[in-house]
C-alpha atoms as a PDB file:
ATOM      1  CA  MET A   1       4.526  15.772 -29.535  1.00  0.00           C
ATOM      2  CA  THR A   2       4.265  12.064 -30.567  1.00  0.00           C
ATOM      3  CA  ASP A   3       3.384  10.436 -33.835  1.00  0.00           C
ATOM      4  CA  ARG A   4       3.542   6.908 -35.386  1.00  0.00           C
ATOM      5  CA  ARG A   5       6.242   5.973 -37.908  1.00  0.00           C
ATOM      6  CA  LEU A   6       7.182   2.849 -39.946  1.00  0.00           C
ATOM      7  CA  ARG A   7      10.586   1.953 -38.467  1.00  0.00           C
ATOM      8  CA  LEU A   8      11.148  -1.842 -38.370  1.00  0.00           C
ATOM      9  CA  VAL A   9      10.880  -4.033 -41.545  1.00  0.00           C
ATOM     10  CA  LYS A  10      12.340  -7.365 -42.687  1.00  0.00           C
ATOM     11  CA  ARG A  11      15.376  -7.016 -44.917  1.00  0.00           C
ATOM     12  CA  ASP A  12      14.058  -9.518 -47.369  1.00  0.00           C
ATOM     13  CA  ALA A  13      10.464  -8.224 -47.553  1.00  0.00           C
ATOM     14  CA  GLY A  14      11.050  -6.043 -50.647  1.00  0.00           C
ATOM     15  CA  CYS A  15      11.114  -2.786 -48.830  1.00  0.00           C
ATOM     16  CA  ARG A  16      12.546   0.251 -50.623  1.00  0.00           C
ATOM     17  CA  TRP A  17      13.534   3.891 -49.750  1.00  0.00           C
ATOM     18  CA  HIS A  18      12.414   6.531 -52.173  1.00  0.00           C
ATOM     19  CA  GLY A  19      13.500  10.082 -52.720  1.00  0.00           C
ATOM     20  CA  ARG A  20      16.564  12.132 -52.099  1.00  0.00           C
ATOM     21  CA  LEU A  21      15.496  13.816 -48.948  1.00  0.00           C
ATOM     22  CA  HIS A  22      13.171  12.787 -46.169  1.00  0.00           C
ATOM     23  CA  GLU A  23      12.975   9.495 -47.761  1.00  0.00           C
ATOM     24  CA  GLN A  24       9.792   7.449 -47.694  1.00  0.00           C
ATOM     25  CA  LEU A  25       9.675   3.741 -47.142  1.00  0.00           C
ATOM     26  CA  SER A  26       7.532   1.638 -49.390  1.00  0.00           C
ATOM     27  CA  PHE A  27       6.705  -2.008 -48.684  1.00  0.00           C
ATOM     28  CA  PRO A  28       4.616  -4.853 -50.058  1.00  0.00           C
ATOM     29  CA  ARG A  29       1.148  -5.394 -48.791  1.00  0.00           C
ATOM     30  CA  GLY A  30       1.005  -7.647 -45.758  1.00  0.00           C
ATOM     31  CA  GLU A  31       0.780  -7.591 -42.004  1.00  0.00           C
ATOM     32  CA  VAL A  32       1.580  -4.376 -40.247  1.00  0.00           C
ATOM     33  CA  ILE A  33       1.942  -4.474 -36.494  1.00  0.00           C
ATOM     34  CA  THR A  34       1.396  -1.489 -34.339  1.00  0.00           C
ATOM     35  CA  ALA A  35       3.605  -1.572 -31.189  1.00  0.00           C
ATOM     36  CA  ASP A  36       4.250   0.755 -28.214  1.00  0.00           C
ATOM     37  CA  ILE A  37       7.969   1.002 -29.041  1.00  0.00           C
ATOM     38  CA  ALA A  38       9.170   4.611 -28.356  1.00  0.00           C
ATOM     39  CA  VAL A  39      11.933   6.150 -30.497  1.00  0.00           C
ATOM     40  CA  THR A  40      13.100   9.519 -29.197  1.00  0.00           C
ATOM     41  CA  HIS A  41      15.018  11.845 -31.599  1.00  0.00           C
ATOM     42  CA  ARG A  42      17.384  14.336 -30.181  1.00  0.00           C
ATOM     43  CA  ARG A  43      19.188  16.718 -32.628  1.00  0.00           C
ATOM     44  CA  GLU A  44      22.942  16.559 -31.996  1.00  0.00           C
ATOM     45  CA  ALA A  45      24.330  17.930 -35.248  1.00  0.00           C
ATOM     46  CA  GLY A  46      23.926  21.313 -36.838  1.00  0.00           C
ATOM     47  CA  HIS A  47      20.676  22.499 -38.559  1.00  0.00           C
ATOM     48  CA  HIS A  48      20.567  21.201 -42.286  1.00  0.00           C
ATOM     49  CA  SER A  49      17.661  23.333 -43.428  1.00  0.00           C
ATOM     50  CA  ALA A  50      19.861  25.487 -45.914  1.00  0.00           C
ATOM     51  CA  ARG A  51      21.405  22.270 -47.306  1.00  0.00           C
ATOM     52  CA  ASN A  52      17.990  20.717 -47.676  1.00  0.00           C
ATOM     53  CA  VAL A  53      16.653  23.641 -49.561  1.00  0.00           C
ATOM     54  CA  ARG A  54      19.536  23.373 -52.042  1.00  0.00           C
ATOM     55  CA  ILE A  55      18.795  19.634 -52.663  1.00  0.00           C
ATOM     56  CA  LEU A  56      15.040  20.397 -53.091  1.00  0.00           C
ATOM     57  CA  ARG A  57      15.706  23.354 -55.476  1.00  0.00           C
ATOM     58  CA  LYS A  58      17.949  21.159 -57.595  1.00  0.00           C
ATOM     59  CA  TRP A  59      15.344  18.342 -57.486  1.00  0.00           C
ATOM     60  CA  ILE A  60      12.506  20.649 -58.568  1.00  0.00           C
ATOM     61  CA  ALA A  61      14.685  22.020 -61.418  1.00  0.00           C
ATOM     62  CA  GLU A  62      15.184  18.477 -62.689  1.00  0.00           C
ATOM     63  CA  GLU A  63      11.623  17.599 -62.305  1.00  0.00           C
ATOM     64  CA  GLY A  64      10.515  20.805 -63.998  1.00  0.00           C
ATOM     65  CA  VAL A  65       7.647  21.189 -61.539  1.00  0.00           C
ATOM     66  CA  ALA A  66       7.068  21.169 -57.760  1.00  0.00           C
ATOM     67  CA  GLN A  67       4.100  18.900 -56.903  1.00  0.00           C
ATOM     68  CA  GLY A  68       3.121  16.175 -54.406  1.00  0.00           C
ATOM     69  CA  ARG A  69       5.699  15.199 -51.784  1.00  0.00           C
ATOM     70  CA  LEU A  70       8.420  17.306 -53.461  1.00  0.00           C
ATOM     71  CA  LEU A  71       6.231  20.570 -52.979  1.00  0.00           C
ATOM     72  CA  PHE A  72       5.313  19.243 -49.418  1.00  0.00           C
ATOM     73  CA  TYR A  73       9.025  18.992 -48.382  1.00  0.00           C
ATOM     74  CA  TYR A  74       9.986  22.399 -50.042  1.00  0.00           C
ATOM     75  CA  ALA A  75       7.168  24.139 -48.166  1.00  0.00           C
ATOM     76  CA  GLY A  76       8.159  22.381 -44.942  1.00  0.00           C
ATOM     77  CA  GLU A  77      11.758  23.653 -45.294  1.00  0.00           C
ATOM     78  CA  CYS A  78      10.467  27.291 -45.884  1.00  0.00           C
ATOM     79  CA  TYR A  79       8.400  26.875 -42.779  1.00  0.00           C
ATOM     80  CA  ASP A  80      11.277  25.632 -40.654  1.00  0.00           C
ATOM     81  CA  ARG A  81      13.314  28.589 -41.806  1.00  0.00           C
ATOM     82  CA  GLN A  82      10.425  30.958 -40.898  1.00  0.00           C
ATOM     83  CA  ARG A  83       9.827  32.080 -44.486  1.00  0.00           C
ATOM     84  CA  TYR A  84       6.171  31.965 -43.845  1.00  0.00           C
ATOM     85  CA  ALA A  85       4.998  33.693 -47.033  1.00  0.00           C
ATOM     86  CA  ALA A  86       6.852  31.186 -49.230  1.00  0.00           C
ATOM     87  CA  ALA A  87       5.676  28.302 -47.071  1.00  0.00           C
ATOM     88  CA  ALA A  88       2.040  29.504 -47.298  1.00  0.00           C
ATOM     89  CA  ARG A  89       2.280  29.643 -51.021  1.00  0.00           C
ATOM     90  CA  GLY A  90       3.698  26.029 -51.264  1.00  0.00           C
ATOM     91  CA  TYR A  91       1.075  24.638 -48.852  1.00  0.00           C
ATOM     92  CA  ALA A  92      -1.728  26.353 -50.656  1.00  0.00           C
ATOM     93  CA  LYS A  93      -0.563  25.147 -54.070  1.00  0.00           C
ATOM     94  CA  LEU A  94      -0.255  21.621 -52.563  1.00  0.00           C
ATOM     95  CA  LEU A  95      -3.933  21.749 -51.330  1.00  0.00           C
ATOM     96  CA  GLU A  96      -5.011  22.779 -54.845  1.00  0.00           C
ATOM     97  CA  GLN A  97      -3.643  19.547 -56.409  1.00  0.00           C
ATOM     98  CA  PRO A  98      -6.184  16.907 -57.108  1.00  0.00           C
ATOM     99  CA  SER A  99      -4.560  14.111 -55.157  1.00  0.00           C
ATOM    100  CA  GLY A 100      -1.975  13.457 -52.392  1.00  0.00           C
ATOM    101  CA  TYR A 101      -1.422  11.704 -49.096  1.00  0.00           C
ATOM    102  CA  ARG A 102      -3.984  12.425 -46.559  1.00  0.00           C
ATOM    103  CA  GLU A 103      -1.468  13.028 -43.740  1.00  0.00           C
ATOM    104  CA  ASP A 104       0.461  15.538 -45.997  1.00  0.00           C
ATOM    105  CA  ARG A 105      -2.740  17.452 -46.671  1.00  0.00           C
ATOM    106  CA  LEU A 106      -3.679  17.584 -42.923  1.00  0.00           C
ATOM    107  CA  ILE A 107      -0.214  18.799 -42.034  1.00  0.00           C
ATOM    108  CA  ALA A 108      -0.319  21.300 -44.891  1.00  0.00           C
ATOM    109  CA  CYS A 109      -3.614  22.708 -43.329  1.00  0.00           C
ATOM    110  CA  ALA A 110      -2.318  22.970 -39.917  1.00  0.00           C
ATOM    111  CA  ARG A 111       0.903  24.748 -41.111  1.00  0.00           C
ATOM    112  CA  LEU A 112      -0.779  26.916 -43.629  1.00  0.00           C
ATOM    113  CA  ALA A 113      -3.025  28.129 -40.648  1.00  0.00           C
ATOM    114  CA  GLU A 114       0.073  28.927 -38.633  1.00  0.00           C
ATOM    115  CA  CYS A 115       1.757  30.713 -41.439  1.00  0.00           C
ATOM    116  CA  TYR A 116      -1.375  32.943 -41.898  1.00  0.00           C
ATOM    117  CA  GLU A 117      -1.154  33.629 -38.192  1.00  0.00           C
ATOM    118  CA  ARG A 118       2.413  34.668 -38.393  1.00  0.00           C
ATOM    119  CA  LEU A 119       1.545  36.820 -41.437  1.00  0.00           C
ATOM    120  CA  GLY A 120      -1.287  38.626 -39.571  1.00  0.00           C
ATOM    121  CA  LYS A 121      -4.156  37.055 -41.629  1.00  0.00           C
ATOM    122  CA  PRO A 122      -6.505  35.478 -38.916  1.00  0.00           C
ATOM    123  CA  GLY A 123      -9.384  35.064 -41.461  1.00  0.00           C
ATOM    124  CA  ARG A 124      -7.284  32.885 -43.672  1.00  0.00           C
ATOM    125  CA  LYS A 125      -6.015  30.979 -40.686  1.00  0.00           C
ATOM    126  CA  LEU A 126      -9.519  29.866 -39.679  1.00  0.00           C
ATOM    127  CA  GLY A 127     -10.193  28.980 -43.402  1.00  0.00           C
ATOM    128  CA  ALA A 128      -7.094  26.767 -43.581  1.00  0.00           C
ATOM    129  CA  LEU A 129      -8.141  24.950 -40.375  1.00  0.00           C
ATOM    130  CA  LEU A 130     -11.673  24.287 -41.656  1.00  0.00           C
ATOM    131  CA  GLN A 131     -10.193  23.056 -44.975  1.00  0.00           C
ATOM    132  CA  SER A 132      -8.805  20.041 -43.058  1.00  0.00           C
ATOM    133  CA  PHE A 133     -12.364  18.651 -43.061  1.00  0.00           C
ATOM    134  CA  GLN A 134     -12.218  18.025 -46.773  1.00  0.00           C
ATOM    135  CA  TYR A 135      -9.587  15.255 -46.051  1.00  0.00           C
ATOM    136  CA  ASP A 136     -10.676  13.693 -42.799  1.00  0.00           C
ATOM    137  CA  LEU A 137     -12.937  13.705 -39.784  1.00  0.00           C
ATOM    138  CA  PRO A 138     -12.215  16.403 -37.213  1.00  0.00           C
ATOM    139  CA  HIS A 139      -9.205  15.737 -34.958  1.00  0.00           C
ATOM    140  CA  ALA A 140      -8.454  17.200 -31.570  1.00  0.00           C
ATOM    141  CA  ASP A 141      -5.633  19.539 -32.572  1.00  0.00           C
ATOM    142  CA  PHE A 142      -7.711  21.127 -35.437  1.00  0.00           C
ATOM    143  CA  CYS A 143     -10.735  21.490 -33.082  1.00  0.00           C
ATOM    144  CA  CYS A 144      -8.558  23.260 -30.470  1.00  0.00           C
ATOM    145  CA  ALA A 145      -7.062  25.564 -33.091  1.00  0.00           C
ATOM    146  CA  ILE A 146     -10.449  26.502 -34.393  1.00  0.00           C
ATOM    147  CA  ALA A 147     -11.758  27.064 -30.873  1.00  0.00           C
ATOM    148  CA  ALA A 148      -8.750  29.321 -30.198  1.00  0.00           C
ATOM    149  CA  CYS A 149      -9.676  31.516 -33.196  1.00  0.00           C
ATOM    150  CA  PHE A 150     -13.088  32.206 -31.559  1.00  0.00           C
ATOM    151  CA  HIS A 151     -11.506  32.499 -28.191  1.00  0.00           C
ATOM    152  CA  GLU A 152      -9.342  35.245 -29.529  1.00  0.00           C
ATOM    153  CA  ARG A 153     -12.294  36.938 -31.086  1.00  0.00           C
ATOM    154  CA  GLN A 154     -13.977  37.024 -27.598  1.00  0.00           C
ATOM    155  CA  GLU A 155     -16.664  34.616 -28.775  1.00  0.00           C
ATOM    156  CA  PRO A 156     -16.798  32.206 -25.917  1.00  0.00           C
ATOM    157  CA  VAL A 157     -19.768  30.311 -26.945  1.00  0.00           C
ATOM    158  CA  SER A 158     -18.439  29.254 -30.387  1.00  0.00           C
ATOM    159  CA  ALA A 159     -15.068  28.524 -28.570  1.00  0.00           C
ATOM    160  CA  ILE A 160     -16.838  26.247 -26.224  1.00  0.00           C
ATOM    161  CA  TYR A 161     -18.488  24.289 -28.907  1.00  0.00           C
ATOM    162  CA  TRP A 162     -15.161  23.499 -30.644  1.00  0.00           C
ATOM    163  CA  TYR A 163     -13.216  22.837 -27.421  1.00  0.00           C
ATOM    164  CA  MET A 164     -16.083  20.291 -26.648  1.00  0.00           C
ATOM    165  CA  GLN A 165     -15.586  18.773 -30.135  1.00  0.00           C
ATOM    166  CA  ALA A 166     -11.896  18.420 -29.247  1.00  0.00           C
ATOM    167  CA  VAL A 167     -12.731  16.468 -26.082  1.00  0.00           C
ATOM    168  CA  ASP A 168     -15.238  14.291 -28.018  1.00  0.00           C
ATOM    169  CA  VAL A 169     -12.669  13.270 -30.601  1.00  0.00           C
ATOM    170  CA  SER A 170      -9.613  13.112 -28.298  1.00  0.00           C
ATOM    171  CA  SER A 171      -9.319   9.250 -28.800  1.00  0.00           C
ATOM    172  CA  ARG A 172      -9.493   9.304 -32.577  1.00  0.00           C
ATOM    173  CA  ASP A 173      -6.395   7.793 -34.174  1.00  0.00           C
ATOM    174  CA  PRO A 174      -4.386  10.603 -35.965  1.00  0.00           C
ATOM    175  CA  GLY A 175      -2.663   8.116 -38.240  1.00  0.00           C
ATOM    176  CA  LEU A 176       0.806   8.783 -39.430  1.00  0.00           C
ATOM    177  CA  ARG A 177       0.649  12.481 -38.357  1.00  0.00           C
ATOM    178  CA  PRO A 178       2.027  14.229 -35.305  1.00  0.00           C
ATOM    179  CA  VAL A 179      -0.594  15.545 -32.985  1.00  0.00           C
ATOM    180  CA  PRO A 180       0.217  17.534 -29.833  1.00  0.00           C
ATOM    181  CA  VAL A 181      -0.522  15.318 -26.693  1.00  0.00           C
ATOM    182  CA  ALA A 182      -2.005  18.519 -25.015  1.00  0.00           C
ATOM    183  CA  CYS A 183      -4.874  18.709 -27.422  1.00  0.00           C
ATOM    184  CA  ARG A 184      -5.917  15.249 -26.677  1.00  0.00           C
ATOM    185  CA  THR A 185      -5.707  15.657 -22.897  1.00  0.00           C
ATOM    186  CA  TRP A 186      -5.659  18.789 -20.651  1.00  0.00           C
ATOM    187  CA  LEU A 187      -5.721  21.811 -23.147  1.00  0.00           C
ATOM    188  CA  PRO A 188      -9.384  21.755 -24.124  1.00  0.00           C
ATOM    189  CA  HIS A 189     -10.570  21.431 -20.566  1.00  0.00           C
ATOM    190  CA  ALA A 190      -8.159  24.272 -19.388  1.00  0.00           C
ATOM    191  CA  ARG A 191      -9.527  26.496 -22.156  1.00  0.00           C
ATOM    192  CA  LEU A 192     -13.173  25.438 -21.355  1.00  0.00           C
ATOM    193  CA  SER A 193     -12.605  26.510 -17.836  1.00  0.00           C
ATOM    194  CA  LEU A 194     -11.552  29.905 -18.905  1.00  0.00           C
ATOM    195  CA  CYS A 195     -14.496  30.284 -21.440  1.00  0.00           C
ATOM    196  CA  TYR A 196     -17.126  29.207 -18.886  1.00  0.00           C
ATOM    197  CA  ALA A 197     -15.566  31.616 -16.298  1.00  0.00           C
ATOM    198  CA  HIS A 198     -15.911  34.408 -18.919  1.00  0.00           C
ATOM    199  CA  LEU A 199     -19.638  33.622 -19.181  1.00  0.00           C
ATOM    200  CA  GLY A 200     -19.946  33.519 -15.312  1.00  0.00           C
ATOM    201  CA  ASN A 201     -20.718  29.790 -15.277  1.00  0.00           C
ATOM    202  CA  TRP A 202     -18.470  29.065 -12.338  1.00  0.00           C
ATOM    203  CA  GLU A 203     -19.462  25.504 -11.651  1.00  0.00           C
ATOM    204  CA  GLN A 204     -18.724  24.390 -15.192  1.00  0.00           C
ATOM    205  CA  ALA A 205     -15.531  26.351 -15.046  1.00  0.00           C
ATOM    206  CA  LEU A 206     -14.480  24.499 -11.881  1.00  0.00           C
ATOM    207  CA  MET A 207     -15.493  21.173 -13.355  1.00  0.00           C
ATOM    208  CA  HIS A 208     -13.225  21.546 -16.412  1.00  0.00           C
ATOM    209  CA  ASN A 209     -10.462  22.912 -14.248  1.00  0.00           C
ATOM    210  CA  THR A 210     -10.734  19.688 -12.242  1.00  0.00           C
ATOM    211  CA  LYS A 211     -10.578  17.488 -15.490  1.00  0.00           C
ATOM    212  CA  ALA A 212      -7.496  19.488 -16.662  1.00  0.00           C
ATOM    213  CA  ARG A 213      -5.763  18.798 -13.335  1.00  0.00           C
ATOM    214  CA  GLU A 214      -6.374  15.079 -13.819  1.00  0.00           C
ATOM    215  CA  TYR A 215      -3.593  15.310 -16.434  1.00  0.00           C
ATOM    216  CA  LEU A 216      -1.532  18.145 -14.815  1.00  0.00           C
ATOM    217  CA  PRO A 217      -2.231  17.804 -10.996  1.00  0.00           C
ATOM    218  CA  ASN A 218       0.668  20.113 -10.044  1.00  0.00           C
ATOM    219  CA  ASP A 219       0.306  22.884 -12.688  1.00  0.00           C
ATOM    220  CA  PRO A 220       0.549  26.282 -10.968  1.00  0.00           C
ATOM    221  CA  GLY A 221      -1.791  28.076 -13.192  1.00  0.00           C
ATOM    222  CA  LEU A 222      -4.401  25.329 -12.942  1.00  0.00           C
ATOM    223  CA  LEU A 223      -4.118  25.361  -9.091  1.00  0.00           C
ATOM    224  CA  ALA A 224      -4.316  29.073  -8.881  1.00  0.00           C
ATOM    225  CA  ASN A 225      -7.437  29.138 -10.940  1.00  0.00           C
ATOM    226  CA  ARG A 226      -9.011  26.324  -8.887  1.00  0.00           C
ATOM    227  CA  GLN A 227      -8.596  28.435  -5.615  1.00  0.00           C
ATOM    228  CA  LYS A 228     -10.253  31.460  -7.288  1.00  0.00           C
ATOM    229  CA  LEU A 229     -13.000  29.357  -8.888  1.00  0.00           C
ATOM    230  CA  GLU A 230     -13.745  27.638  -5.447  1.00  0.00           C
ATOM    231  CA  VAL A 231     -14.179  30.986  -3.686  1.00  0.00           C
ATOM    232  CA  VAL A 232     -16.581  32.205  -6.377  1.00  0.00           C
ATOM    233  CA  VAL A 233     -18.591  29.000  -6.454  1.00  0.00           C
ATOM    234  CA  ARG A 234     -18.840  28.955  -2.544  1.00  0.00           C
ATOM    235  CA  LYS A 235     -20.008  32.597  -2.559  1.00  0.00           C
ATOM    236  CA  GLU A 236     -22.575  31.929  -5.295  1.00  0.00           C
ATOM    237  CA  MET A 237     -23.875  28.840  -3.461  1.00  0.00           C
ATOM    238  CA  LYS A 238     -24.296  30.735  -0.300  1.00  0.00           C
ATOM    239  CA  GLU A 239     -26.177  33.601  -2.049  1.00  0.00           C
ATOM    240  CA  ARG A 240     -28.439  30.967  -3.547  1.00  0.00           C
ATOM    241  CA  GLU A 241     -29.036  29.415  -0.158  1.00  0.00           C
ATOM    242  CA  GLU A 242     -29.885  32.761   1.290  1.00  0.00           C
ATOM    243  CA  ARG A 243     -32.481  33.311  -1.585  1.00  0.00           C
ATOM    244  CA  GLY A 244     -33.998  29.947  -0.877  1.00  0.00           C
ATOM    245  CA  GLU A 245     -33.171  28.609  -4.332  1.00  0.00           C
ATOM    246  CA  VAL A 246     -31.304  25.680  -2.872  1.00  0.00           C
ATOM    247  CA  SER A 247     -31.410  23.830   0.361  1.00  0.00           C
ATOM    248  CA  PRO A 248     -28.485  24.531   2.787  1.00  0.00           C
ATOM    249  CA  ARG A 249     -25.791  21.908   2.678  1.00  0.00           C
ATOM    250  CA  LYS A 250     -25.311  19.845   5.765  1.00  0.00           C
END
């Protein structure tokens, strides 16, 4: 998982941190430079979720209402503590509010969908994913998640459509929001291979398996599937040659 963050600013540029938890950096309008500088976060201390919830509850009590970023953070802490019903209520309430940060709303849609999955509500999961289109153009992770809903329903044609959409938008800039790298690279191709195999379209299945292996050349599952698909494709080609449908290969 990778995402883009504001990390380096000039001390005298008038930048300020806001909030008591998960502080946000505000800065004057001016030039913003995007750079390929990687910052890796590795948790070394204990988990602070319980402390964070106490801070947020006190903050909400002082504000008198949970809305905007405050509600977003509270729902996030509930999500991290696997309190999925409470998190779902928070994210749903956030999405009902008339305004807010685009990235927060997209994250809320994705996490609301996962909460509904954990709560055994697949219909609501799909609705939460589709709700993301109110806030931005389709992104690869949402397309993959929507495709997975149809894949689980044993509806491969619909799943193929959405996995292909994920491939088409894989280069779209997600903005300040984390998007799984797999959704933008090998995952849609690997799932397309399975869907086409389910439909008996072995050549398309092998083609997408090949594309997935461009990203994961040594993946055991993809390699095993390739061997199976190559056997079926050769057998099918031989049968077509015997029927005179194609010319024999030299």
